[in-house]
Structure formats: structure tokens, C-alpha cells
N, C-alpha and C. Protein backbone atom coordinates (compact mmCIF):
# COMPACT_ATOMS: atom_id res chain seq x y z
N MET A 1 52.07 -54.04 -46.18
CA MET A 1 51.40 -53.52 -47.46
C MET A 1 49.72 -53.91 -47.08
N LYS A 2 49.07 -52.88 -47.58
CA LYS A 2 47.67 -53.06 -47.47
C LYS A 2 46.99 -53.80 -48.70
N THR A 3 45.92 -54.41 -48.52
CA THR A 3 45.22 -54.94 -49.64
C THR A 3 44.85 -54.12 -50.52
N ASN A 4 44.28 -52.69 -50.46
CA ASN A 4 44.05 -51.91 -51.45
C ASN A 4 45.03 -51.16 -51.90
N GLU A 5 46.21 -51.24 -51.52
CA GLU A 5 47.73 -50.66 -52.11
C GLU A 5 47.92 -51.89 -53.06
N VAL A 6 47.61 -53.03 -52.93
CA VAL A 6 47.93 -54.22 -54.21
C VAL A 6 46.95 -53.94 -55.44
N PHE A 7 45.48 -53.54 -54.76
CA PHE A 7 44.41 -53.69 -55.51
C PHE A 7 43.65 -52.24 -55.44
N PRO A 8 44.38 -51.19 -55.74
CA PRO A 8 43.73 -49.68 -55.71
C PRO A 8 42.34 -49.86 -55.91
N GLU A 9 41.70 -50.78 -56.84
CA GLU A 9 40.39 -50.48 -57.46
C GLU A 9 39.31 -50.94 -56.36
N ILE A 10 40.03 -51.45 -55.41
CA ILE A 10 39.07 -51.79 -54.05
C ILE A 10 38.34 -50.31 -53.74
N ASP A 11 38.93 -49.33 -53.82
CA ASP A 11 38.77 -47.88 -53.20
C ASP A 11 37.52 -47.38 -54.60
N LEU A 12 37.23 -48.10 -55.47
CA LEU A 12 36.45 -47.58 -56.50
C LEU A 12 34.89 -48.10 -56.05
N ILE A 13 34.88 -49.23 -55.20
CA ILE A 13 33.53 -49.85 -54.79
C ILE A 13 32.87 -48.62 -53.79
N LYS A 14 31.58 -48.38 -54.12
CA LYS A 14 30.97 -47.07 -53.40
C LYS A 14 30.36 -47.77 -52.23
N ASN A 15 30.07 -49.31 -52.48
CA ASN A 15 28.88 -49.63 -51.26
C ASN A 15 30.12 -50.16 -50.04
N GLN A 16 30.07 -49.60 -49.07
CA GLN A 16 30.88 -49.84 -47.91
C GLN A 16 30.94 -51.39 -47.63
N ASP A 17 29.79 -51.95 -47.30
CA ASP A 17 29.75 -53.36 -46.85
C ASP A 17 30.24 -54.28 -48.10
N LEU A 18 30.02 -53.91 -49.27
CA LEU A 18 30.64 -54.94 -50.34
C LEU A 18 32.14 -54.71 -50.36
N LYS A 19 32.65 -53.46 -50.09
CA LYS A 19 34.02 -53.15 -50.26
C LYS A 19 34.69 -53.92 -49.20
N GLU A 20 34.21 -53.77 -47.98
CA GLU A 20 34.63 -54.79 -46.62
C GLU A 20 34.66 -55.85 -46.88
N LYS A 21 33.78 -56.74 -47.38
CA LYS A 21 33.50 -58.16 -47.66
C LYS A 21 34.57 -58.62 -48.61
N THR A 22 34.87 -57.62 -49.85
CA THR A 22 35.59 -57.98 -50.98
C THR A 22 36.97 -58.12 -50.28
N VAL A 23 37.54 -57.02 -49.49
CA VAL A 23 38.62 -57.09 -48.94
C VAL A 23 38.94 -58.37 -47.93
N LYS A 24 37.94 -58.64 -47.23
CA LYS A 24 37.97 -59.78 -46.31
C LYS A 24 38.03 -61.21 -47.18
N VAL A 25 37.50 -61.29 -48.20
CA VAL A 25 37.80 -62.46 -49.06
C VAL A 25 39.02 -62.55 -49.67
N ILE A 26 39.74 -61.59 -50.15
CA ILE A 26 41.00 -61.47 -50.65
C ILE A 26 41.96 -62.01 -49.39
N GLU A 27 41.83 -61.31 -48.35
CA GLU A 27 42.71 -61.61 -47.23
C GLU A 27 42.40 -62.90 -46.84
N ASP A 28 41.71 -63.48 -46.76
CA ASP A 28 41.23 -64.95 -46.31
C ASP A 28 41.66 -65.82 -47.29
N ALA A 29 41.60 -65.58 -48.56
CA ALA A 29 42.05 -66.43 -49.69
C ALA A 29 43.80 -66.59 -49.45
N ILE A 30 44.20 -65.38 -49.60
CA ILE A 30 45.74 -65.16 -49.03
C ILE A 30 46.14 -66.10 -48.01
N LYS A 31 45.75 -65.90 -46.91
CA LYS A 31 45.94 -66.77 -45.76
C LYS A 31 45.54 -68.25 -45.85
N THR A 32 44.48 -68.75 -46.57
CA THR A 32 44.21 -69.96 -46.45
C THR A 32 45.12 -70.65 -47.59
N GLY A 33 45.02 -70.00 -48.79
CA GLY A 33 46.44 -70.63 -49.60
C GLY A 33 47.79 -70.54 -49.41
N GLY A 34 47.89 -70.00 -47.97
CA GLY A 34 49.36 -69.95 -47.32
C GLY A 34 50.39 -68.73 -48.04
N TRP A 35 49.89 -67.89 -48.63
CA TRP A 35 50.58 -66.77 -49.33
C TRP A 35 50.44 -65.71 -48.35
N THR A 36 51.13 -64.59 -48.65
CA THR A 36 51.34 -63.42 -47.87
C THR A 36 50.85 -62.33 -49.28
N ILE A 37 50.53 -61.33 -48.68
CA ILE A 37 50.26 -59.90 -49.42
C ILE A 37 51.46 -59.67 -50.37
N GLU A 38 52.78 -59.80 -49.92
CA GLU A 38 53.82 -59.73 -50.67
C GLU A 38 53.85 -60.47 -51.63
N THR A 39 53.72 -61.60 -51.36
CA THR A 39 54.17 -62.79 -52.45
C THR A 39 53.23 -62.96 -53.80
N LEU A 40 52.07 -62.08 -53.53
CA LEU A 40 50.79 -62.15 -54.81
C LEU A 40 51.50 -61.69 -56.07
N GLU A 41 52.33 -60.68 -56.09
CA GLU A 41 53.17 -60.44 -57.22
C GLU A 41 53.95 -61.40 -57.96
N ASN A 42 54.39 -62.48 -57.29
CA ASN A 42 55.13 -63.28 -57.92
C ASN A 42 54.10 -64.90 -58.33
N ILE A 43 53.01 -64.61 -57.99
CA ILE A 43 52.12 -65.75 -58.48
C ILE A 43 51.70 -65.67 -60.06
N PRO A 44 51.79 -66.57 -60.92
CA PRO A 44 51.60 -66.47 -62.18
C PRO A 44 49.92 -66.33 -62.35
N PHE A 45 49.50 -65.52 -63.12
CA PHE A 45 47.87 -65.36 -63.38
C PHE A 45 47.43 -66.99 -63.81
N THR A 46 48.18 -67.64 -64.61
CA THR A 46 47.83 -68.81 -65.12
C THR A 46 48.86 -69.72 -65.16
N LEU A 47 48.53 -71.16 -65.05
CA LEU A 47 49.81 -72.18 -65.31
C LEU A 47 49.57 -72.74 -66.67
N LEU A 48 48.53 -72.12 -67.72
CA LEU A 48 48.30 -72.59 -68.77
C LEU A 48 49.33 -72.00 -70.00
N ILE A 49 50.01 -70.91 -69.74
CA ILE A 49 50.96 -70.24 -70.42
C ILE A 49 52.42 -70.22 -69.48
N GLU A 50 53.26 -71.44 -70.20
CA GLU A 50 54.39 -71.59 -69.80
C GLU A 50 55.39 -70.20 -69.52
N ASN A 51 56.02 -70.40 -68.32
CA ASN A 51 56.89 -69.20 -68.06
C ASN A 51 56.29 -67.79 -68.21
N THR A 52 54.75 -67.43 -67.99
CA THR A 52 54.28 -66.27 -68.05
C THR A 52 55.03 -65.57 -67.00
N LYS A 53 55.20 -64.30 -67.29
CA LYS A 53 55.92 -63.44 -66.28
C LYS A 53 54.46 -62.10 -65.55
N ILE A 54 53.42 -62.35 -66.23
CA ILE A 54 52.25 -61.90 -65.78
C ILE A 54 51.69 -62.16 -64.33
N SER A 55 51.61 -61.70 -63.36
CA SER A 55 50.94 -61.98 -62.10
C SER A 55 49.63 -61.98 -62.10
N ILE A 56 49.26 -62.72 -60.86
CA ILE A 56 47.73 -63.01 -60.62
C ILE A 56 47.21 -61.37 -60.11
N VAL A 57 48.12 -60.60 -59.81
CA VAL A 57 47.62 -59.00 -59.25
C VAL A 57 47.74 -58.45 -60.62
N THR A 58 48.58 -58.41 -61.63
CA THR A 58 48.61 -57.82 -62.76
C THR A 58 47.36 -57.99 -63.66
N HIS A 59 46.98 -59.24 -63.54
CA HIS A 59 45.92 -59.94 -64.42
C HIS A 59 44.47 -59.54 -63.88
N THR A 60 44.38 -59.55 -62.56
CA THR A 60 43.16 -59.31 -61.98
C THR A 60 42.88 -57.83 -61.86
N ARG A 61 43.93 -56.86 -61.98
CA ARG A 61 44.07 -55.45 -62.15
C ARG A 61 43.16 -55.00 -63.73
N ALA A 62 44.11 -55.76 -64.37
CA ALA A 62 43.62 -55.50 -65.92
C ALA A 62 42.39 -56.07 -66.18
N VAL A 63 41.77 -57.09 -65.71
CA VAL A 63 40.44 -57.56 -65.94
C VAL A 63 39.35 -56.62 -65.50
N THR A 64 39.80 -56.25 -64.17
CA THR A 64 38.75 -55.37 -63.45
C THR A 64 38.63 -53.92 -64.19
N ASN A 65 39.82 -53.44 -64.48
CA ASN A 65 39.79 -52.20 -65.23
C ASN A 65 39.23 -52.18 -66.62
N THR A 66 39.34 -53.45 -67.47
CA THR A 66 38.76 -53.67 -68.62
C THR A 66 37.24 -53.89 -68.39
N ALA A 67 36.66 -54.48 -67.34
CA ALA A 67 35.27 -54.71 -67.29
C ALA A 67 34.95 -53.31 -66.97
N LEU A 68 35.45 -52.56 -66.18
CA LEU A 68 34.89 -51.35 -65.54
C LEU A 68 34.72 -50.39 -66.89
N ASN A 69 35.60 -50.43 -67.68
CA ASN A 69 35.74 -49.49 -68.87
C ASN A 69 34.22 -50.11 -69.87
N MET A 70 34.25 -51.25 -69.93
CA MET A 70 33.18 -51.69 -70.72
C MET A 70 31.89 -51.37 -70.06
N GLY A 71 31.60 -51.53 -68.43
CA GLY A 71 30.28 -51.09 -67.88
C GLY A 71 30.09 -49.64 -67.93
N LYS A 72 31.20 -48.71 -67.99
CA LYS A 72 31.11 -47.29 -68.02
C LYS A 72 30.50 -47.02 -69.37
N THR A 73 30.84 -47.63 -70.52
CA THR A 73 30.48 -47.45 -71.96
C THR A 73 29.03 -47.85 -71.83
N LEU A 74 28.68 -49.03 -71.37
CA LEU A 74 27.44 -49.45 -71.63
C LEU A 74 26.46 -48.45 -70.76
N ASN A 75 26.74 -48.08 -69.66
CA ASN A 75 26.05 -47.59 -68.83
C ASN A 75 25.85 -46.04 -69.67
N GLN A 76 26.68 -45.52 -70.29
CA GLN A 76 26.65 -44.32 -70.89
C GLN A 76 25.81 -44.46 -72.32
N PHE A 77 25.78 -45.30 -72.88
CA PHE A 77 24.99 -45.47 -73.91
C PHE A 77 23.80 -46.11 -73.59
N TYR A 78 23.40 -46.95 -72.78
CA TYR A 78 22.13 -47.79 -72.62
C TYR A 78 21.46 -47.33 -71.10
N GLY A 79 22.05 -46.54 -70.64
CA GLY A 79 21.44 -46.08 -69.47
C GLY A 79 22.30 -46.00 -68.10
N GLU A 80 21.84 -45.11 -67.06
CA GLU A 80 23.05 -44.89 -66.18
C GLU A 80 23.22 -46.20 -65.43
N ASN A 81 22.09 -46.87 -65.22
CA ASN A 81 22.38 -48.22 -64.21
C ASN A 81 21.91 -49.43 -65.26
N PHE A 82 22.42 -49.32 -66.38
CA PHE A 82 22.15 -50.71 -67.07
C PHE A 82 23.20 -51.81 -66.52
N VAL A 83 24.09 -51.50 -66.05
CA VAL A 83 24.92 -52.30 -65.12
C VAL A 83 25.50 -51.86 -63.95
N ASP A 84 25.66 -52.68 -63.03
CA ASP A 84 26.23 -52.37 -61.55
C ASP A 84 27.58 -52.09 -61.39
N LEU A 85 28.33 -50.84 -61.63
CA LEU A 85 29.72 -50.93 -61.45
C LEU A 85 30.33 -51.39 -60.11
N ASP A 86 29.81 -51.38 -59.17
CA ASP A 86 30.24 -51.87 -57.88
C ASP A 86 30.21 -53.38 -57.97
N LEU A 87 29.13 -54.29 -58.74
CA LEU A 87 29.52 -55.51 -58.91
C LEU A 87 30.52 -55.96 -59.76
N ILE A 88 30.74 -55.23 -60.75
CA ILE A 88 31.78 -55.38 -61.64
C ILE A 88 33.03 -55.19 -61.05
N THR A 89 33.22 -54.16 -60.17
CA THR A 89 34.30 -54.12 -59.45
C THR A 89 34.83 -55.23 -58.68
N ALA A 90 33.85 -55.60 -57.78
CA ALA A 90 33.90 -56.64 -56.80
C ALA A 90 34.18 -57.86 -57.49
N GLY A 91 33.29 -58.10 -58.42
CA GLY A 91 33.64 -59.54 -59.30
C GLY A 91 35.03 -59.50 -60.04
N GLY A 92 35.21 -58.48 -60.57
CA GLY A 92 36.84 -58.43 -61.29
C GLY A 92 37.72 -58.80 -60.42
N LEU A 93 37.79 -57.91 -59.13
CA LEU A 93 38.78 -58.12 -58.16
C LEU A 93 38.62 -59.61 -57.68
N LEU A 94 37.55 -60.40 -57.46
CA LEU A 94 37.39 -61.48 -56.97
C LEU A 94 37.25 -62.62 -58.08
N HIS A 95 37.32 -62.59 -59.24
CA HIS A 95 37.10 -63.67 -60.17
C HIS A 95 37.95 -64.66 -60.18
N ASP A 96 39.23 -64.54 -59.73
CA ASP A 96 40.18 -65.67 -59.96
C ASP A 96 40.64 -65.71 -58.38
N ILE A 97 40.16 -65.40 -57.60
CA ILE A 97 40.63 -65.41 -56.01
C ILE A 97 40.51 -66.95 -55.79
N GLY A 98 39.86 -67.78 -56.08
CA GLY A 98 40.20 -69.23 -56.15
C GLY A 98 41.45 -69.66 -56.53
N LYS A 99 42.17 -68.91 -57.44
CA LYS A 99 43.44 -69.56 -57.84
C LYS A 99 44.27 -69.60 -56.65
N LEU A 100 44.07 -68.89 -55.56
CA LEU A 100 44.87 -68.59 -54.46
C LEU A 100 44.84 -70.12 -53.60
N LEU A 101 43.87 -70.79 -54.12
CA LEU A 101 43.62 -71.92 -53.44
C LEU A 101 43.91 -73.28 -54.23
N GLU A 102 43.86 -72.73 -55.51
CA GLU A 102 44.25 -73.70 -56.70
C GLU A 102 45.58 -73.97 -56.84
N TYR A 103 46.44 -73.07 -56.71
CA TYR A 103 47.84 -73.06 -56.89
C TYR A 103 48.76 -73.35 -55.51
N LYS A 104 49.90 -73.93 -55.84
CA LYS A 104 50.92 -73.87 -54.78
C LYS A 104 52.23 -73.55 -55.05
N ASN A 105 53.18 -73.27 -54.62
CA ASN A 105 54.67 -72.83 -54.62
C ASN A 105 55.55 -73.94 -53.97
N GLU A 106 56.15 -74.97 -54.61
CA GLU A 106 57.02 -75.79 -53.98
C GLU A 106 58.62 -75.42 -54.58
N ASN A 107 59.36 -74.78 -53.81
CA ASN A 107 60.71 -74.62 -54.29
C ASN A 107 60.80 -73.78 -55.54
N GLY A 108 60.02 -72.67 -55.66
CA GLY A 108 59.95 -71.78 -56.84
C GLY A 108 59.18 -72.06 -57.91
N LYS A 109 58.72 -73.56 -58.10
CA LYS A 109 57.87 -73.88 -59.10
C LYS A 109 56.21 -74.00 -58.59
N TYR A 110 55.34 -73.18 -59.59
CA TYR A 110 54.24 -73.28 -59.22
C TYR A 110 53.45 -74.42 -60.13
N SER A 111 52.43 -75.08 -59.00
CA SER A 111 51.69 -76.16 -59.77
C SER A 111 50.46 -76.13 -59.13
N VAL A 112 49.61 -76.95 -59.45
CA VAL A 112 47.95 -77.30 -58.96
C VAL A 112 48.31 -77.97 -57.49
N SER A 113 47.66 -77.25 -56.71
CA SER A 113 47.38 -77.78 -55.18
C SER A 113 46.75 -78.80 -55.13
N THR A 114 46.55 -79.55 -53.97
CA THR A 114 45.43 -80.63 -53.72
C THR A 114 44.19 -80.02 -53.71
N CYS A 115 43.82 -78.91 -53.28
CA CYS A 115 42.76 -78.05 -53.58
C CYS A 115 42.13 -78.03 -54.83
N GLY A 116 43.13 -77.60 -55.68
CA GLY A 116 42.87 -77.69 -57.36
C GLY A 116 42.74 -78.41 -58.25
N LYS A 117 43.20 -79.62 -57.49
CA LYS A 117 42.91 -80.96 -58.14
C LYS A 117 41.65 -81.38 -58.12
N PHE A 118 40.87 -80.93 -57.09
CA PHE A 118 39.43 -81.26 -56.91
C PHE A 118 38.36 -80.17 -57.44
N LEU A 119 38.81 -78.80 -57.17
CA LEU A 119 38.17 -77.95 -57.69
C LEU A 119 38.90 -76.91 -58.21
N ARG A 120 38.32 -76.21 -59.45
CA ARG A 120 38.98 -75.37 -60.22
C ARG A 120 38.64 -74.02 -59.36
N HIS A 121 39.28 -72.95 -59.80
CA HIS A 121 39.04 -71.55 -59.12
C HIS A 121 37.79 -70.96 -59.16
N PRO A 122 36.88 -71.30 -60.28
CA PRO A 122 35.52 -70.77 -59.79
C PRO A 122 34.82 -71.31 -58.83
N PHE A 123 34.80 -72.63 -58.58
CA PHE A 123 34.30 -73.03 -57.12
C PHE A 123 34.68 -72.89 -56.11
N SER A 124 36.19 -72.73 -56.22
CA SER A 124 36.64 -72.33 -54.63
C SER A 124 36.51 -70.84 -54.41
N GLY A 125 36.70 -69.97 -55.54
CA GLY A 125 36.25 -68.66 -55.34
C GLY A 125 34.84 -68.19 -54.89
N ALA A 126 33.93 -68.99 -55.54
CA ALA A 126 32.65 -68.68 -55.25
C ALA A 126 32.22 -69.07 -53.64
N ALA A 127 32.98 -70.20 -53.20
CA ALA A 127 32.99 -70.74 -51.75
C ALA A 127 33.36 -69.65 -50.88
N MET A 128 34.50 -69.18 -51.14
CA MET A 128 34.91 -67.88 -50.55
C MET A 128 34.21 -66.83 -50.46
N SER A 129 33.61 -66.50 -51.57
CA SER A 129 32.54 -65.36 -51.48
C SER A 129 31.26 -65.52 -50.59
N PHE A 130 30.82 -66.97 -50.81
CA PHE A 130 29.52 -67.17 -49.97
C PHE A 130 30.00 -67.18 -48.56
N LYS A 131 31.10 -67.73 -48.27
CA LYS A 131 31.74 -67.86 -46.76
C LYS A 131 31.38 -66.50 -46.07
N HIS A 132 31.80 -65.49 -46.92
CA HIS A 132 32.10 -64.07 -46.32
C HIS A 132 30.80 -63.12 -46.67
N GLY A 133 29.70 -63.82 -47.07
CA GLY A 133 28.39 -63.18 -47.26
C GLY A 133 28.42 -62.22 -48.32
N LEU A 134 29.10 -62.41 -49.20
CA LEU A 134 28.76 -61.32 -50.49
C LEU A 134 27.63 -61.44 -51.15
N PRO A 135 27.07 -60.62 -51.79
CA PRO A 135 25.94 -60.74 -52.72
C PRO A 135 26.10 -61.76 -53.51
N ASP A 136 24.77 -62.69 -53.73
CA ASP A 136 24.84 -63.57 -54.65
C ASP A 136 25.37 -63.11 -56.12
N ALA A 137 24.96 -62.12 -56.25
CA ALA A 137 25.28 -61.36 -57.57
C ALA A 137 26.90 -61.61 -58.15
N VAL A 138 27.60 -61.41 -56.86
CA VAL A 138 29.05 -61.21 -56.96
C VAL A 138 29.42 -62.81 -57.04
N THR A 139 29.19 -63.54 -56.01
CA THR A 139 29.28 -65.20 -56.17
C THR A 139 28.90 -65.79 -57.49
N HIS A 140 27.80 -65.10 -58.18
CA HIS A 140 27.71 -65.62 -59.62
C HIS A 140 28.60 -65.25 -60.48
N ILE A 141 29.06 -64.03 -60.40
CA ILE A 141 30.19 -63.48 -61.40
C ILE A 141 31.39 -64.70 -61.05
N ILE A 142 31.91 -64.68 -59.94
CA ILE A 142 33.06 -65.60 -59.54
C ILE A 142 32.81 -67.08 -60.38
N ALA A 143 31.62 -67.47 -59.83
CA ALA A 143 31.34 -69.11 -60.43
C ALA A 143 31.14 -69.15 -62.00
N MET A 144 30.44 -67.98 -62.85
CA MET A 144 30.25 -68.15 -64.06
C MET A 144 31.42 -67.49 -65.08
N HIS A 145 32.45 -67.03 -64.58
CA HIS A 145 33.18 -66.20 -65.18
C HIS A 145 34.09 -67.06 -66.26
N ALA A 146 34.25 -68.46 -66.12
CA ALA A 146 35.20 -69.18 -66.81
C ALA A 146 34.27 -70.08 -67.51
N LYS A 147 34.63 -71.17 -68.38
CA LYS A 147 34.23 -72.08 -68.94
C LYS A 147 33.13 -72.82 -68.34
N GLU A 148 33.15 -72.90 -67.05
CA GLU A 148 31.96 -73.46 -66.18
C GLU A 148 30.68 -72.83 -66.38
N GLY A 149 30.71 -71.52 -66.72
CA GLY A 149 29.55 -70.80 -66.62
C GLY A 149 28.77 -70.77 -68.35
N ASP A 150 29.58 -71.20 -69.21
CA ASP A 150 29.19 -71.44 -70.68
C ASP A 150 28.00 -72.03 -70.98
N LEU A 151 27.46 -72.90 -69.97
CA LEU A 151 26.19 -73.47 -70.22
C LEU A 151 25.07 -73.12 -69.51
N SER A 152 25.55 -72.13 -68.83
CA SER A 152 24.43 -71.29 -67.72
C SER A 152 23.99 -69.83 -68.23
N LYS A 153 23.09 -69.54 -67.68
CA LYS A 153 22.62 -68.05 -67.99
C LYS A 153 23.58 -67.14 -67.25
N ARG A 154 24.20 -66.00 -67.80
CA ARG A 154 25.02 -65.07 -66.66
C ARG A 154 24.17 -63.84 -66.75
N THR A 155 24.67 -63.17 -65.80
CA THR A 155 23.91 -61.68 -65.49
C THR A 155 24.54 -60.91 -66.45
N ARG A 156 24.38 -59.66 -66.65
CA ARG A 156 25.18 -58.58 -67.39
C ARG A 156 26.58 -58.49 -66.80
N GLU A 157 26.51 -58.15 -65.65
CA GLU A 157 27.64 -58.04 -65.11
C GLU A 157 28.72 -59.56 -65.11
N ALA A 158 28.20 -60.62 -65.07
CA ALA A 158 29.02 -61.75 -65.52
C ALA A 158 29.58 -61.90 -66.97
N ILE A 159 28.56 -61.48 -67.71
CA ILE A 159 29.07 -61.51 -69.24
C ILE A 159 30.20 -60.80 -69.25
N ILE A 160 30.14 -59.35 -68.76
CA ILE A 160 31.24 -58.15 -68.99
C ILE A 160 32.27 -58.89 -68.37
N ILE A 161 32.47 -59.37 -67.01
CA ILE A 161 33.86 -60.10 -66.54
C ILE A 161 34.31 -61.36 -67.47
N HIS A 162 33.46 -62.11 -67.98
CA HIS A 162 33.59 -63.15 -68.57
C HIS A 162 34.58 -62.66 -69.96
N TYR A 163 34.07 -61.74 -70.66
CA TYR A 163 34.75 -61.15 -71.89
C TYR A 163 35.92 -60.59 -71.43
N ALA A 164 35.90 -59.90 -70.43
CA ALA A 164 37.26 -58.86 -69.86
C ALA A 164 38.18 -59.93 -69.54
N ASP A 165 37.82 -60.90 -68.80
CA ASP A 165 38.84 -62.22 -68.49
C ASP A 165 39.43 -62.81 -69.54
N PHE A 166 38.63 -63.08 -70.73
CA PHE A 166 39.09 -63.86 -71.94
C PHE A 166 39.90 -62.90 -72.93
N SER A 167 39.65 -61.48 -72.67
CA SER A 167 40.47 -60.68 -73.43
C SER A 167 41.67 -60.20 -72.79
N ASN A 168 42.00 -60.74 -71.67
CA ASN A 168 43.21 -60.32 -71.04
C ASN A 168 43.81 -61.64 -70.77
N PHE A 169 43.28 -62.99 -71.62
CA PHE A 169 43.98 -64.26 -71.51
C PHE A 169 44.43 -64.55 -72.80
N GLU A 170 43.39 -64.82 -73.93
CA GLU A 170 43.66 -65.38 -75.31
C GLU A 170 44.74 -64.52 -75.97
N PRO A 171 44.65 -63.21 -76.10
CA PRO A 171 45.97 -62.61 -76.84
C PRO A 171 47.18 -62.94 -76.12
N LEU A 172 47.23 -63.23 -75.06
CA LEU A 172 48.65 -63.39 -74.32
C LEU A 172 49.11 -64.86 -74.75
N LYS A 173 48.28 -65.72 -75.53
CA LYS A 173 48.89 -67.25 -75.70
C LYS A 173 49.64 -66.81 -77.15
N ILE A 174 49.49 -66.02 -77.54
CA ILE A 174 49.90 -66.04 -79.08
C ILE A 174 51.47 -65.58 -78.93
């Protein structure tokens, strides 16, 4: 199975270099975390909702699509290039990539890995992005999408990913 079969939104990235680097980050995180492309659908998107059946793949795709719809709406009303849809797509696909390092599976039970005890996913995800030479704007989105970014200034694209992420998390806790 190919990465863009699991995450078809990859093919929406127009900038070829950004697309290739996004795929490399995903594939490296899968390998580094000890997963396979086939096991991604089994990884829960969060450990904070007990027994959630929502996978990291479903959540990632939902956040990416929510953010893209927000970005398209903003561009429609505020100017064609108000936000960069390639940055939103890459940022959406990679916002939780650090969870592949933050989580582990032992005997069918998902929990926080050794890496995750020291670094939450925004940090490990940003490190993966930096390692593969993604634009600083994408690394910023990954680093700032969660609570770690609340006291920092976010770019427009990072704001969109932040709200898309939380709108695909908070309602699921109810």
C-alpha cells in the first residue's frame, strides 16, 4: 500500500518538492515509530478518549479536509492567496505525525512511548519536519497546532490547523 493511498490528500499538494518531503516525513515517522503503513488504521488518534475507534488516519484526513475547506472559504472571500493551501495540506497531514513516535503498542494496548514521555507530538513532529527539510512554515504549523502554541504567535495557516484539529477533537469527547 502506498502512502498516498492511505492519505489521498497528499496529491492535492501542488508543489512537488513539498509533496515529496511530506511523504518522506510520513514514511520516516512510520519506520522510526516501529509501525507499518498497514497498521496506521489501528492507531488511535488520541489516548485521551478511552476506547476511541477513530484512527490516526481518520483524524488526520478529517483535520486536513476541515482545514482545506476553511482555507478555500477564506481565499474566496479575502483574496485568492490569503492563505497557502499547500501549506495547509502539508500541515494538516503532518500535524500529528509525532504521535507515531509518542505512542507505542504492547500486546494490543496503546500507551505513551519512552519518546512520548519526554516529548509531546508537536515537538517530535516538528523535529521530523526539520530533519526532512520542510519549509519552516510547515514545521511551525506542526509545532504550534496544539496547546504548546497557545502563547506564541501563529501564522494564518497554523491558526486554521489549530482550529481544525480542535474541532475534530472536542466534539468527540462528549
